[in-house]
PDB file of N, CA and C in Angstrom:
ATOM      1  N   MET A   1     107.261 -10.356  21.873  1.00  0.00           N
ATOM      2  CA  MET A   1     106.960 -11.688  21.435  1.00  0.00           C
ATOM      3  C   MET A   1     107.653 -11.959  20.098  1.00  0.00           C
ATOM      4  N   ASP A   2     108.481 -12.958  20.040  1.00  0.00           N
ATOM      5  CA  ASP A   2     109.189 -13.360  18.807  1.00  0.00           C
ATOM      6  C   ASP A   2     108.232 -14.120  17.915  1.00  0.00           C
ATOM      7  N   THR A   3     108.208 -13.737  16.634  1.00  0.00           N
ATOM      8  CA  THR A   3     107.324 -14.424  15.702  1.00  0.00           C
ATOM      9  C   THR A   3     108.173 -14.972  14.565  1.00  0.00           C
ATOM     10  N   ARG A   4     107.588 -15.901  13.817  1.00  0.00           N
ATOM     11  CA  ARG A   4     108.199 -16.470  12.651  1.00  0.00           C
ATOM     12  C   ARG A   4     107.248 -16.342  11.483  1.00  0.00           C
ATOM     13  N   ILE A   5     107.764 -16.257  10.318  1.00  0.00           N
ATOM     14  CA  ILE A   5     106.955 -16.208   9.109  1.00  0.00           C
ATOM     15  C   ILE A   5     106.998 -17.605   8.516  1.00  0.00           C
ATOM     16  N   ALA A   6     105.801 -18.069   8.121  1.00  0.00           N
ATOM     17  CA  ALA A   6     105.729 -19.428   7.585  1.00  0.00           C
ATOM     18  C   ALA A   6     104.586 -19.532   6.584  1.00  0.00           C
ATOM     19  N   ILE A   7     104.598 -20.622   5.840  1.00  0.00           N
ATOM     20  CA  ILE A   7     103.513 -20.950   4.952  1.00  0.00           C
ATOM     21  C   ILE A   7     103.002 -22.312   5.374  1.00  0.00           C
ATOM     22  N   ILE A   8     101.700 -22.403   5.602  1.00  0.00           N
ATOM     23  CA  ILE A   8     101.067 -23.673   5.919  1.00  0.00           C
ATOM     24  C   ILE A   8     100.389 -24.121   4.621  1.00  0.00           C
ATOM     25  N   SER A   9     100.832 -25.275   4.143  1.00  0.00           N
ATOM     26  CA  SER A   9     100.252 -25.882   2.924  1.00  0.00           C
ATOM     27  C   SER A   9      99.225 -26.935   3.357  1.00  0.00           C
ATOM     28  N   ILE A  10      98.043 -26.817   2.794  1.00  0.00           N
ATOM     29  CA  ILE A  10      96.921 -27.716   3.191  1.00  0.00           C
ATOM     30  C   ILE A  10      96.342 -28.346   1.962  1.00  0.00           C
ATOM     31  N   ILE A  11      96.118 -29.686   2.067  1.00  0.00           N
ATOM     32  CA  ILE A  11      95.359 -30.390   1.037  1.00  0.00           C
ATOM     33  C   ILE A  11      94.129 -30.960   1.741  1.00  0.00           C
ATOM     34  N   LEU A  12      92.987 -30.587   1.190  1.00  0.00           N
ATOM     35  CA  LEU A  12      91.703 -30.955   1.778  1.00  0.00           C
ATOM     36  C   LEU A  12      90.951 -31.855   0.769  1.00  0.00           C
ATOM     37  N   ASP A  13      90.685 -33.092   1.168  1.00  0.00           N
ATOM     38  CA  ASP A  13      89.962 -33.979   0.255  1.00  0.00           C
ATOM     39  C   ASP A  13      88.640 -34.478   0.841  1.00  0.00           C
ATOM     40  N   ASN A  14      88.227 -33.902   1.966  1.00  0.00           N
ATOM     41  CA  ASN A  14      86.942 -34.239   2.581  1.00  0.00           C
ATOM     42  C   ASN A  14      86.129 -32.958   2.708  1.00  0.00           C
ATOM     43  N   PRO A  15      85.082 -32.760   1.871  1.00  0.00           N
ATOM     44  CA  PRO A  15      84.298 -31.541   1.935  1.00  0.00           C
ATOM     45  C   PRO A  15      83.694 -31.258   3.329  1.00  0.00           C
ATOM     46  N   LYS A  16      83.478 -32.307   4.119  1.00  0.00           N
ATOM     47  CA  LYS A  16      82.891 -32.115   5.459  1.00  0.00           C
ATOM     48  C   LYS A  16      83.868 -31.377   6.395  1.00  0.00           C
ATOM     49  N   SER A  17      85.113 -31.311   6.042  1.00  0.00           N
ATOM     50  CA  SER A  17      86.137 -30.653   6.869  1.00  0.00           C
ATOM     51  C   SER A  17      86.306 -29.167   6.535  1.00  0.00           C
ATOM     52  N   VAL A  18      85.576 -28.674   5.531  1.00  0.00           N
ATOM     53  CA  VAL A  18      85.743 -27.268   5.122  1.00  0.00           C
ATOM     54  C   VAL A  18      85.361 -26.308   6.276  1.00  0.00           C
ATOM     55  N   MET A  19      84.202 -26.522   6.870  1.00  0.00           N
ATOM     56  CA  MET A  19      83.740 -25.641   7.952  1.00  0.00           C
ATOM     57  C   MET A  19      84.673 -25.660   9.160  1.00  0.00           C
ATOM     58  N   PRO A  20      85.064 -26.848   9.663  1.00  0.00           N
ATOM     59  CA  PRO A  20      86.010 -26.835  10.800  1.00  0.00           C
ATOM     60  C   PRO A  20      87.371 -26.199  10.435  1.00  0.00           C
ATOM     61  N   LEU A  21      87.830 -26.374   9.209  1.00  0.00           N
ATOM     62  CA  LEU A  21      89.089 -25.735   8.797  1.00  0.00           C
ATOM     63  C   LEU A  21      88.938 -24.249   8.760  1.00  0.00           C
ATOM     64  N   ASN A  22      87.842 -23.736   8.173  1.00  0.00           N
ATOM     65  CA  ASN A  22      87.601 -22.296   8.162  1.00  0.00           C
ATOM     66  C   ASN A  22      87.504 -21.742   9.553  1.00  0.00           C
ATOM     67  N   GLN A  23      86.937 -22.464  10.494  1.00  0.00           N
ATOM     68  CA  GLN A  23      86.804 -21.990  11.850  1.00  0.00           C
ATOM     69  C   GLN A  23      88.189 -21.886  12.507  1.00  0.00           C
ATOM     70  N   LEU A  24      89.076 -22.879  12.298  1.00  0.00           N
ATOM     71  CA  LEU A  24      90.400 -22.796  12.842  1.00  0.00           C
ATOM     72  C   LEU A  24      91.194 -21.605  12.259  1.00  0.00           C
ATOM     73  N   LEU A  25      91.040 -21.393  10.956  1.00  0.00           N
ATOM     74  CA  LEU A  25      91.727 -20.246  10.347  1.00  0.00           C
ATOM     75  C   LEU A  25      91.145 -18.937  10.861  1.00  0.00           C
ATOM     76  N   HIS A  26      89.857 -18.893  11.064  1.00  0.00           N
ATOM     77  CA  HIS A  26      89.199 -17.663  11.599  1.00  0.00           C
ATOM     78  C   HIS A  26      89.704 -17.390  12.990  1.00  0.00           C
ATOM     79  N   ASP A  27      89.872 -18.437  13.797  1.00  0.00           N
ATOM     80  CA  ASP A  27      90.344 -18.261  15.183  1.00  0.00           C
ATOM     81  C   ASP A  27      91.773 -17.760  15.232  1.00  0.00           C
ATOM     82  N   SER A  28      92.509 -17.965  14.169  1.00  0.00           N
ATOM     83  CA  SER A  28      93.932 -17.514  14.110  1.00  0.00           C
ATOM     84  C   SER A  28      94.126 -16.293  13.225  1.00  0.00           C
ATOM     85  N   ARG A  29      93.050 -15.603  12.903  1.00  0.00           N
ATOM     86  CA  ARG A  29      93.056 -14.504  11.941  1.00  0.00           C
ATOM     87  C   ARG A  29      94.042 -13.400  12.299  1.00  0.00           C
ATOM     88  N   GLU A  30      94.304 -13.213  13.595  1.00  0.00           N
ATOM     89  CA  GLU A  30      95.256 -12.154  14.017  1.00  0.00           C
ATOM     90  C   GLU A  30      96.669 -12.388  13.475  1.00  0.00           C
ATOM     91  N   PHE A  31      96.999 -13.630  13.187  1.00  0.00           N
ATOM     92  CA  PHE A  31      98.356 -13.985  12.700  1.00  0.00           C
ATOM     93  C   PHE A  31      98.438 -14.159  11.197  1.00  0.00           C
ATOM     94  N   ILE A  32      97.309 -14.350  10.579  1.00  0.00           N
ATOM     95  CA  ILE A  32      97.311 -14.695   9.121  1.00  0.00           C
ATOM     96  C   ILE A  32      97.558 -13.450   8.257  1.00  0.00           C
ATOM     97  N   ILE A  33      98.565 -13.548   7.423  1.00  0.00           N
ATOM     98  CA  ILE A  33      98.902 -12.490   6.477  1.00  0.00           C
ATOM     99  C   ILE A  33      97.970 -12.576   5.265  1.00  0.00           C
ATOM    100  N   GLY A  34      97.749 -13.780   4.789  1.00  0.00           N
ATOM    101  CA  GLY A  34      96.861 -14.000   3.647  1.00  0.00           C
ATOM    102  C   GLY A  34      96.731 -15.474   3.362  1.00  0.00           C
ATOM    103  N   ARG A  35      95.751 -15.766   2.540  1.00  0.00           N
ATOM    104  CA  ARG A  35      95.589 -17.196   2.189  1.00  0.00           C
ATOM    105  C   ARG A  35      95.077 -17.292   0.741  1.00  0.00           C
ATOM    106  N   MET A  36      95.364 -18.435   0.137  1.00  0.00           N
ATOM    107  CA  MET A  36      94.907 -18.681  -1.243  1.00  0.00           C
ATOM    108  C   MET A  36      94.414 -20.094  -1.337  1.00  0.00           C
ATOM    109  N   GLY A  37      93.246 -20.245  -1.868  1.00  0.00           N
ATOM    110  CA  GLY A  37      92.674 -21.576  -2.060  1.00  0.00           C
ATOM    111  C   GLY A  37      92.431 -21.867  -3.500  1.00  0.00           C
ATOM    112  N   ILE A  38      92.779 -23.058  -3.910  1.00  0.00           N
ATOM    113  CA  ILE A  38      92.583 -23.493  -5.302  1.00  0.00           C
ATOM    114  C   ILE A  38      91.765 -24.753  -5.327  1.00  0.00           C
ATOM    115  N   PRO A  39      90.567 -24.709  -5.841  1.00  0.00           N
ATOM    116  CA  PRO A  39      89.810 -25.967  -5.996  1.00  0.00           C
ATOM    117  C   PRO A  39      90.336 -26.744  -7.204  1.00  0.00           C
ATOM    118  N   TYR A  40      90.675 -27.956  -7.014  1.00  0.00           N
ATOM    119  CA  TYR A  40      91.176 -28.812  -8.099  1.00  0.00           C
ATOM    120  C   TYR A  40      90.110 -29.823  -8.411  1.00  0.00           C
ATOM    121  N   LYS A  41      89.177 -29.419  -9.291  1.00  0.00           N
ATOM    122  CA  LYS A  41      87.985 -30.219  -9.536  1.00  0.00           C
ATOM    123  C   LYS A  41      88.270 -31.564 -10.187  1.00  0.00           C
ATOM    124  N   LYS A  42      89.350 -31.678 -10.934  1.00  0.00           N
ATOM    125  CA  LYS A  42      89.691 -32.947 -11.573  1.00  0.00           C
ATOM    126  C   LYS A  42      89.827 -34.057 -10.553  1.00  0.00           C
ATOM    127  N   ASN A  43      90.427 -33.761  -9.407  1.00  0.00           N
ATOM    128  CA  ASN A  43      90.623 -34.735  -8.370  1.00  0.00           C
ATOM    129  C   ASN A  43      89.741 -34.503  -7.150  1.00  0.00           C
ATOM    130  N   ASP A  44      88.835 -33.556  -7.228  1.00  0.00           N
ATOM    131  CA  ASP A  44      87.882 -33.227  -6.141  1.00  0.00           C
ATOM    132  C   ASP A  44      88.588 -32.957  -4.830  1.00  0.00           C
ATOM    133  N   ILE A  45      89.650 -32.120  -4.899  1.00  0.00           N
ATOM    134  CA  ILE A  45      90.353 -31.713  -3.679  1.00  0.00           C
ATOM    135  C   ILE A  45      90.538 -30.176  -3.715  1.00  0.00           C
ATOM    136  N   ASN A  46      90.939 -29.641  -2.588  1.00  0.00           N
ATOM    137  CA  ASN A  46      91.255 -28.202  -2.506  1.00  0.00           C
ATOM    138  C   ASN A  46      92.691 -28.058  -1.996  1.00  0.00           C
ATOM    139  N   LEU A  47      93.412 -27.166  -2.637  1.00  0.00           N
ATOM    140  CA  LEU A  47      94.788 -26.865  -2.256  1.00  0.00           C
ATOM    141  C   LEU A  47      94.788 -25.472  -1.637  1.00  0.00           C
ATOM    142  N   ILE A  48      95.309 -25.344  -0.430  1.00  0.00           N
ATOM    143  CA  ILE A  48      95.222 -24.061   0.282  1.00  0.00           C
ATOM    144  C   ILE A  48      96.641 -23.690   0.817  1.00  0.00           C
ATOM    145  N   SER A  49      97.046 -22.433   0.675  1.00  0.00           N
ATOM    146  CA  SER A  49      98.259 -21.935   1.241  1.00  0.00           C
ATOM    147  C   SER A  49      97.894 -20.809   2.171  1.00  0.00           C
ATOM    148  N   VAL A  50      98.481 -20.840   3.381  1.00  0.00           N
ATOM    149  CA  VAL A  50      98.219 -19.798   4.373  1.00  0.00           C
ATOM    150  C   VAL A  50      99.531 -19.203   4.799  1.00  0.00           C
ATOM    151  N   ALA A  51      99.714 -17.883   4.548  1.00  0.00           N
ATOM    152  CA  ALA A  51     100.914 -17.184   5.004  1.00  0.00           C
ATOM    153  C   ALA A  51     100.627 -16.660   6.419  1.00  0.00           C
ATOM    154  N   ILE A  52     101.540 -16.877   7.324  1.00  0.00           N
ATOM    155  CA  ILE A  52     101.283 -16.592   8.741  1.00  0.00           C
ATOM    156  C   ILE A  52     102.530 -15.975   9.365  1.00  0.00           C
ATOM    157  N   ASP A  53     102.325 -15.060  10.267  1.00  0.00           N
ATOM    158  CA  ASP A  53     103.406 -14.428  11.075  1.00  0.00           C
ATOM    159  C   ASP A  53     102.955 -14.553  12.533  1.00  0.00           C
ATOM    160  N   ALA A  54     103.524 -15.518  13.259  1.00  0.00           N
ATOM    161  CA  ALA A  54     103.039 -15.840  14.579  1.00  0.00           C
ATOM    162  C   ALA A  54     104.170 -16.475  15.397  1.00  0.00           C
ATOM    163  N   PRO A  55     103.987 -16.575  16.716  1.00  0.00           N
ATOM    164  CA  PRO A  55     104.953 -17.366  17.504  1.00  0.00           C
ATOM    165  C   PRO A  55     105.002 -18.812  16.976  1.00  0.00           C
ATOM    166  N   GLU A  56     106.178 -19.412  17.047  1.00  0.00           N
ATOM    167  CA  GLU A  56     106.299 -20.746  16.497  1.00  0.00           C
ATOM    168  C   GLU A  56     105.384 -21.750  17.145  1.00  0.00           C
ATOM    169  N   ASP A  57     105.136 -21.600  18.440  1.00  0.00           N
ATOM    170  CA  ASP A  57     104.201 -22.495  19.136  1.00  0.00           C
ATOM    171  C   ASP A  57     102.792 -22.386  18.546  1.00  0.00           C
ATOM    172  N   ALA A  58     102.390 -21.146  18.225  1.00  0.00           N
ATOM    173  CA  ALA A  58     101.028 -20.946  17.674  1.00  0.00           C
ATOM    174  C   ALA A  58     100.924 -21.556  16.278  1.00  0.00           C
ATOM    175  N   ILE A  59     102.006 -21.459  15.489  1.00  0.00           N
ATOM    176  CA  ILE A  59     101.999 -22.027  14.165  1.00  0.00           C
ATOM    177  C   ILE A  59     101.945 -23.555  14.255  1.00  0.00           C
ATOM    178  N   ASN A  60     102.756 -24.123  15.123  1.00  0.00           N
ATOM    179  CA  ASN A  60     102.775 -25.587  15.301  1.00  0.00           C
ATOM    180  C   ASN A  60     101.400 -26.064  15.790  1.00  0.00           C
ATOM    181  N   ALA A  61     100.799 -25.360  16.729  1.00  0.00           N
ATOM    182  CA  ALA A  61      99.500 -25.766  17.262  1.00  0.00           C
ATOM    183  C   ALA A  61      98.426 -25.712  16.161  1.00  0.00           C
ATOM    184  N   LEU A  62      98.432 -24.646  15.362  1.00  0.00           N
ATOM    185  CA  LEU A  62      97.445 -24.526  14.291  1.00  0.00           C
ATOM    186  C   LEU A  62      97.644 -25.625  13.258  1.00  0.00           C
ATOM    187  N   THR A  63      98.882 -25.878  12.835  1.00  0.00           N
ATOM    188  CA  THR A  63      99.148 -26.919  11.886  1.00  0.00           C
ATOM    189  C   THR A  63      98.685 -28.281  12.400  1.00  0.00           C
ATOM    190  N   GLY A  64      98.952 -28.547  13.710  1.00  0.00           N
ATOM    191  CA  GLY A  64      98.540 -29.811  14.322  1.00  0.00           C
ATOM    192  C   GLY A  64      97.028 -29.975  14.326  1.00  0.00           C
ATOM    193  N   LYS A  65      96.316 -28.895  14.651  1.00  0.00           N
ATOM    194  CA  LYS A  65      94.857 -28.950  14.681  1.00  0.00           C
ATOM    195  C   LYS A  65      94.283 -29.186  13.290  1.00  0.00           C
ATOM    196  N   ILE A  66      94.864 -28.492  12.328  1.00  0.00           N
ATOM    197  CA  ILE A  66      94.408 -28.675  10.910  1.00  0.00           C
ATOM    198  C   ILE A  66      94.657 -30.095  10.450  1.00  0.00           C
ATOM    199  N   GLY A  67      95.838 -30.652  10.765  1.00  0.00           N
ATOM    200  CA  GLY A  67      96.177 -32.002  10.334  1.00  0.00           C
ATOM    201  C   GLY A  67      95.347 -33.069  10.973  1.00  0.00           C
ATOM    202  N   LYS A  68      94.693 -32.785  12.117  1.00  0.00           N
ATOM    203  CA  LYS A  68      93.827 -33.768  12.796  1.00  0.00           C
ATOM    204  C   LYS A  68      92.429 -33.829  12.188  1.00  0.00           C
ATOM    205  N   LEU A  69      92.094 -32.867  11.339  1.00  0.00           N
ATOM    206  CA  LEU A  69      90.770 -32.894  10.706  1.00  0.00           C
ATOM    207  C   LEU A  69      90.722 -34.049   9.706  1.00  0.00           C
ATOM    208  N   ASP A  70      89.549 -34.658   9.585  1.00  0.00           N
ATOM    209  CA  ASP A  70      89.367 -35.798   8.701  1.00  0.00           C
ATOM    210  C   ASP A  70      89.528 -35.369   7.239  1.00  0.00           C
ATOM    211  N   GLY A  71      90.427 -36.088   6.557  1.00  0.00           N
ATOM    212  CA  GLY A  71      90.651 -35.827   5.137  1.00  0.00           C
ATOM    213  C   GLY A  71      91.445 -34.553   4.860  1.00  0.00           C
ATOM    214  N   VAL A  72      92.272 -34.131   5.824  1.00  0.00           N
ATOM    215  CA  VAL A  72      93.066 -32.942   5.648  1.00  0.00           C
ATOM    216  C   VAL A  72      94.524 -33.251   5.992  1.00  0.00           C
ATOM    217  N   THR A  73      95.438 -32.777   5.134  1.00  0.00           N
ATOM    218  CA  THR A  73      96.874 -32.907   5.354  1.00  0.00           C
ATOM    219  C   THR A  73      97.451 -31.466   5.436  1.00  0.00           C
ATOM    220  N   ALA A  74      98.319 -31.243   6.397  1.00  0.00           N
ATOM    221  CA  ALA A  74      98.937 -29.912   6.539  1.00  0.00           C
ATOM    222  C   ALA A  74     100.438 -30.041   6.868  1.00  0.00           C
ATOM    223  N   LYS A  75     101.222 -29.220   6.189  1.00  0.00           N
ATOM    224  CA  LYS A  75     102.668 -29.156   6.403  1.00  0.00           C
ATOM    225  C   LYS A  75     103.059 -27.687   6.448  1.00  0.00           C
ATOM    226  N   THR A  76     104.067 -27.382   7.245  1.00  0.00           N
ATOM    227  CA  THR A  76     104.510 -25.997   7.407  1.00  0.00           C
ATOM    228  C   THR A  76     105.967 -25.830   6.952  1.00  0.00           C
ATOM    229  N   VAL A  77     106.229 -24.742   6.248  1.00  0.00           N
ATOM    230  CA  VAL A  77     107.584 -24.363   5.840  1.00  0.00           C
ATOM    231  C   VAL A  77     107.846 -23.009   6.481  1.00  0.00           C
ATOM    232  N   TYR A  78     108.995 -22.910   7.199  1.00  0.00           N
ATOM    233  CA  TYR A  78     109.363 -21.673   7.885  1.00  0.00           C
ATOM    234  C   TYR A  78     110.383 -20.868   7.090  1.00  0.00           C
ATOM    235  N   SER A  79     110.288 -19.573   7.211  1.00  0.00           N
ATOM    236  CA  SER A  79     111.305 -18.713   6.579  1.00  0.00           C
ATOM    237  C   SER A  79     112.553 -18.769   7.463  1.00  0.00           C
ATOM    238  N   LYS A  80     113.673 -18.335   6.935  1.00  0.00           N
ATOM    239  CA  LYS A  80     114.899 -18.294   7.682  1.00  0.00           C
ATOM    240  C   LYS A  80     114.991 -17.066   8.544  1.00  0.00           C
ATOM    241  N   ILE A  81     114.069 -16.136   8.381  1.00  0.00           N
ATOM    242  CA  ILE A  81     114.087 -14.883   9.147  1.00  0.00           C
ATOM    243  C   ILE A  81     113.557 -15.140  10.546  1.00  0.00           C
TER     244      ILE A  81
END
């Protein structure tokens, strides 16, 4: 199985979407290398980076599901490897 390394950048501005987001990430835990979350209290948002090593289809599917959550924006950057 060919995999790609990527970073999924997430901006979460709806606190009600925290639990569904965490569930999506939990469901993809086999691919996740690590994640970092930064609460930005000044603007009441959360900034999250997820490092992932997975098939491209799995990364795209996860990013799409995350982006469909209310008050959540997600973008993916792929490595050249």
